[in-house]
């Protein structure tokens, strides 16, 4: 994995973890953190650039979902 894509993936990972910490309910928060960590660990050995890009796109969509759910929970 190129250094720039590694940095992008790490930034995305950190953003997802940070955003999931804003869930109000403890159960949602711990579930989200566990799922994020598991998903990234599961795919840590992926080498194919096209597959990495697909996983990054999915993670970006998931980050948007987390942000919406956090916002809905705060309203």
N, C-alpha and C. Protein backbone atom coordinates (compact mmCIF):
# COMPACT_ATOMS: atom_id res chain seq x y z
N UNK A 1 0.86 -1.17 0.00
CA UNK A 1 0.00 0.00 0.00
C UNK A 1 0.90 1.23 0.00
N UNK A 2 0.62 2.17 -0.85
CA UNK A 2 1.39 3.40 -0.93
C UNK A 2 1.22 4.21 0.35
N UNK A 3 2.22 5.02 0.64
CA UNK A 3 2.20 5.80 1.88
C UNK A 3 0.98 6.71 1.94
N UNK A 4 0.62 7.31 0.80
CA UNK A 4 -0.52 8.23 0.82
C UNK A 4 -1.82 7.48 1.08
N UNK A 5 -1.97 6.27 0.53
CA UNK A 5 -3.20 5.55 0.79
C UNK A 5 -3.21 5.00 2.20
N UNK A 6 -2.07 4.66 2.74
CA UNK A 6 -2.00 4.23 4.14
C UNK A 6 -2.42 5.37 5.06
N UNK A 7 -1.93 6.56 4.80
CA UNK A 7 -2.28 7.72 5.61
C UNK A 7 -3.78 8.03 5.49
N UNK A 8 -4.32 7.89 4.28
CA UNK A 8 -5.75 8.12 4.07
C UNK A 8 -6.59 7.15 4.86
N UNK A 9 -6.18 5.88 4.84
CA UNK A 9 -6.91 4.84 5.57
C UNK A 9 -6.84 5.08 7.07
N UNK A 10 -5.66 5.44 7.57
CA UNK A 10 -5.52 5.71 9.00
C UNK A 10 -6.35 6.92 9.43
N UNK A 11 -6.37 7.96 8.59
CA UNK A 11 -7.20 9.14 8.89
C UNK A 11 -8.67 8.77 8.95
N UNK A 12 -9.09 7.94 8.02
CA UNK A 12 -10.48 7.49 7.98
C UNK A 12 -10.81 6.65 9.20
N UNK A 13 -9.90 5.76 9.59
CA UNK A 13 -10.07 4.92 10.77
C UNK A 13 -10.24 5.78 12.02
N UNK A 14 -9.34 6.74 12.18
CA UNK A 14 -9.40 7.63 13.34
C UNK A 14 -10.69 8.46 13.35
N UNK A 15 -11.08 8.96 12.18
CA UNK A 15 -12.31 9.76 12.09
C UNK A 15 -13.53 8.93 12.49
N UNK A 16 -13.57 7.68 12.04
CA UNK A 16 -14.69 6.81 12.38
C UNK A 16 -14.73 6.54 13.88
N UNK A 17 -13.57 6.27 14.47
CA UNK A 17 -13.53 6.03 15.92
C UNK A 17 -13.93 7.28 16.70
N UNK A 18 -13.40 8.43 16.29
CA UNK A 18 -13.74 9.69 16.98
C UNK A 18 -15.23 9.97 16.90
N UNK A 19 -15.79 9.81 15.71
CA UNK A 19 -17.21 10.11 15.53
C UNK A 19 -18.08 9.13 16.31
N UNK A 20 -17.69 7.88 16.36
CA UNK A 20 -18.50 6.89 17.08
C UNK A 20 -18.48 7.12 18.58
N UNK A 21 -17.48 7.82 19.07
CA UNK A 21 -17.42 8.14 20.51
C UNK A 21 -18.51 9.15 20.90
N UNK A 22 -19.16 9.77 19.93
CA UNK A 22 -20.22 10.74 20.21
C UNK A 22 -21.59 10.12 20.39
N UNK A 23 -21.70 8.80 20.19
CA UNK A 23 -22.98 8.15 20.43
C UNK A 23 -23.35 8.33 21.90
N UNK A 24 -24.60 8.68 22.16
CA UNK A 24 -25.04 8.90 23.53
C UNK A 24 -25.14 7.62 24.33
N UNK A 25 -25.66 6.57 23.74
CA UNK A 25 -25.85 5.32 24.45
C UNK A 25 -24.56 4.50 24.45
N UNK A 26 -24.21 4.02 25.61
CA UNK A 26 -22.98 3.24 25.77
C UNK A 26 -22.97 2.01 24.86
N UNK A 27 -24.09 1.32 24.75
CA UNK A 27 -24.15 0.12 23.93
C UNK A 27 -23.88 0.42 22.45
N UNK A 28 -24.46 1.49 21.93
CA UNK A 28 -24.21 1.87 20.53
C UNK A 28 -22.74 2.23 20.33
N UNK A 29 -22.21 2.96 21.30
CA UNK A 29 -20.83 3.43 21.21
C UNK A 29 -19.86 2.23 21.18
N UNK A 30 -20.01 1.30 22.12
CA UNK A 30 -19.09 0.17 22.16
C UNK A 30 -19.27 -0.75 20.95
N UNK A 31 -20.50 -0.91 20.50
CA UNK A 31 -20.75 -1.73 19.31
C UNK A 31 -20.07 -1.11 18.09
N UNK A 32 -20.23 0.20 17.91
CA UNK A 32 -19.65 0.87 16.75
C UNK A 32 -18.13 0.76 16.77
N UNK A 33 -17.53 1.01 17.91
CA UNK A 33 -16.07 0.94 18.02
C UNK A 33 -15.58 -0.47 17.74
N UNK A 34 -16.26 -1.47 18.28
CA UNK A 34 -15.87 -2.86 18.05
C UNK A 34 -15.97 -3.23 16.57
N UNK A 35 -17.07 -2.83 15.91
CA UNK A 35 -17.26 -3.16 14.49
C UNK A 35 -16.21 -2.46 13.62
N UNK A 36 -15.90 -1.22 13.94
CA UNK A 36 -14.89 -0.48 13.17
C UNK A 36 -13.53 -1.17 13.29
N UNK A 37 -13.14 -1.47 14.51
CA UNK A 37 -11.84 -2.13 14.71
C UNK A 37 -11.78 -3.49 14.04
N UNK A 38 -12.84 -4.26 14.18
CA UNK A 38 -12.88 -5.58 13.56
C UNK A 38 -12.78 -5.49 12.03
N UNK A 39 -13.52 -4.56 11.44
CA UNK A 39 -13.52 -4.42 9.98
C UNK A 39 -12.14 -4.02 9.47
N UNK A 40 -11.49 -3.09 10.14
CA UNK A 40 -10.17 -2.66 9.68
C UNK A 40 -9.13 -3.75 9.89
N UNK A 41 -9.21 -4.48 11.00
CA UNK A 41 -8.28 -5.59 11.22
C UNK A 41 -8.48 -6.70 10.19
N UNK A 42 -9.73 -6.96 9.87
CA UNK A 42 -10.05 -8.01 8.91
C UNK A 42 -9.46 -7.72 7.53
N UNK A 43 -9.37 -6.46 7.18
CA UNK A 43 -8.91 -6.07 5.84
C UNK A 43 -7.51 -5.48 5.82
N UNK A 44 -6.74 -5.67 6.89
CA UNK A 44 -5.42 -5.04 6.96
C UNK A 44 -4.41 -5.61 5.98
N UNK A 45 -4.64 -6.82 5.50
CA UNK A 45 -3.68 -7.45 4.58
C UNK A 45 -4.08 -7.35 3.12
N UNK A 46 -5.08 -6.55 2.81
CA UNK A 46 -5.51 -6.37 1.42
C UNK A 46 -4.44 -5.58 0.67
N UNK A 47 -4.02 -6.10 -0.48
CA UNK A 47 -2.95 -5.46 -1.26
C UNK A 47 -3.44 -4.88 -2.58
N UNK A 48 -4.55 -5.37 -3.09
CA UNK A 48 -5.07 -4.94 -4.39
C UNK A 48 -5.57 -3.50 -4.30
N UNK A 49 -4.98 -2.58 -5.10
CA UNK A 49 -5.39 -1.17 -5.04
C UNK A 49 -6.87 -0.94 -5.33
N UNK A 50 -7.44 -1.70 -6.23
CA UNK A 50 -8.86 -1.52 -6.54
C UNK A 50 -9.73 -1.95 -5.35
N UNK A 51 -9.34 -3.03 -4.71
CA UNK A 51 -10.10 -3.48 -3.54
C UNK A 51 -9.93 -2.51 -2.37
N UNK A 52 -8.73 -1.98 -2.21
CA UNK A 52 -8.49 -0.98 -1.16
C UNK A 52 -9.38 0.23 -1.40
N UNK A 53 -9.45 0.68 -2.65
CA UNK A 53 -10.28 1.84 -2.97
C UNK A 53 -11.75 1.56 -2.69
N UNK A 54 -12.21 0.36 -3.01
CA UNK A 54 -13.60 -0.01 -2.73
C UNK A 54 -13.86 -0.02 -1.23
N UNK A 55 -12.92 -0.53 -0.45
CA UNK A 55 -13.07 -0.55 1.01
C UNK A 55 -13.06 0.87 1.59
N UNK A 56 -12.20 1.73 1.03
CA UNK A 56 -12.15 3.13 1.49
C UNK A 56 -13.47 3.81 1.19
N UNK A 57 -14.02 3.59 0.01
CA UNK A 57 -15.31 4.19 -0.35
C UNK A 57 -16.42 3.71 0.58
N UNK A 58 -16.42 2.41 0.92
CA UNK A 58 -17.41 1.87 1.84
C UNK A 58 -17.24 2.48 3.22
N UNK A 59 -16.01 2.64 3.66
CA UNK A 59 -15.76 3.24 4.98
C UNK A 59 -16.22 4.69 5.01
N UNK A 60 -16.05 5.42 3.91
CA UNK A 60 -16.51 6.81 3.85
C UNK A 60 -18.04 6.87 3.95
N UNK A 61 -18.71 5.94 3.27
CA UNK A 61 -20.18 5.88 3.38
C UNK A 61 -20.59 5.56 4.81
N UNK A 62 -19.87 4.62 5.42
CA UNK A 62 -20.18 4.24 6.81
C UNK A 62 -19.94 5.40 7.77
N UNK A 63 -18.90 6.19 7.51
CA UNK A 63 -18.64 7.37 8.34
C UNK A 63 -19.80 8.35 8.24
N UNK A 64 -20.33 8.53 7.05
CA UNK A 64 -21.50 9.39 6.87
C UNK A 64 -22.70 8.87 7.64
N UNK A 65 -22.87 7.56 7.63
CA UNK A 65 -23.98 6.95 8.38
C UNK A 65 -23.80 7.18 9.87
N UNK A 66 -22.58 6.99 10.36
CA UNK A 66 -22.31 7.22 11.79
C UNK A 66 -22.62 8.67 12.15
N UNK A 67 -22.16 9.60 11.32
CA UNK A 67 -22.41 11.02 11.60
C UNK A 67 -23.91 11.32 11.64
N UNK A 68 -24.67 10.76 10.70
CA UNK A 68 -26.12 10.99 10.70
C UNK A 68 -26.78 10.40 11.95
N UNK A 69 -26.37 9.19 12.32
CA UNK A 69 -26.96 8.54 13.48
C UNK A 69 -26.64 9.29 14.77
N UNK A 70 -25.42 9.79 14.87
CA UNK A 70 -25.05 10.58 16.04
C UNK A 70 -25.89 11.84 16.11
N UNK A 71 -26.06 12.49 14.96
CA UNK A 71 -26.85 13.72 14.91
C UNK A 71 -28.32 13.45 15.28
N UNK A 72 -28.85 12.36 14.74
CA UNK A 72 -30.23 12.00 15.05
C UNK A 72 -30.39 11.71 16.55
N UNK A 73 -29.40 11.06 17.13
CA UNK A 73 -29.44 10.73 18.56
C UNK A 73 -29.36 11.95 19.45
N UNK A 74 -28.78 13.03 18.97
CA UNK A 74 -28.63 14.24 19.78
C UNK A 74 -29.84 15.16 19.68
N UNK A 75 -30.67 14.96 18.67
CA UNK A 75 -31.82 15.84 18.46
C UNK A 75 -32.94 15.51 19.40
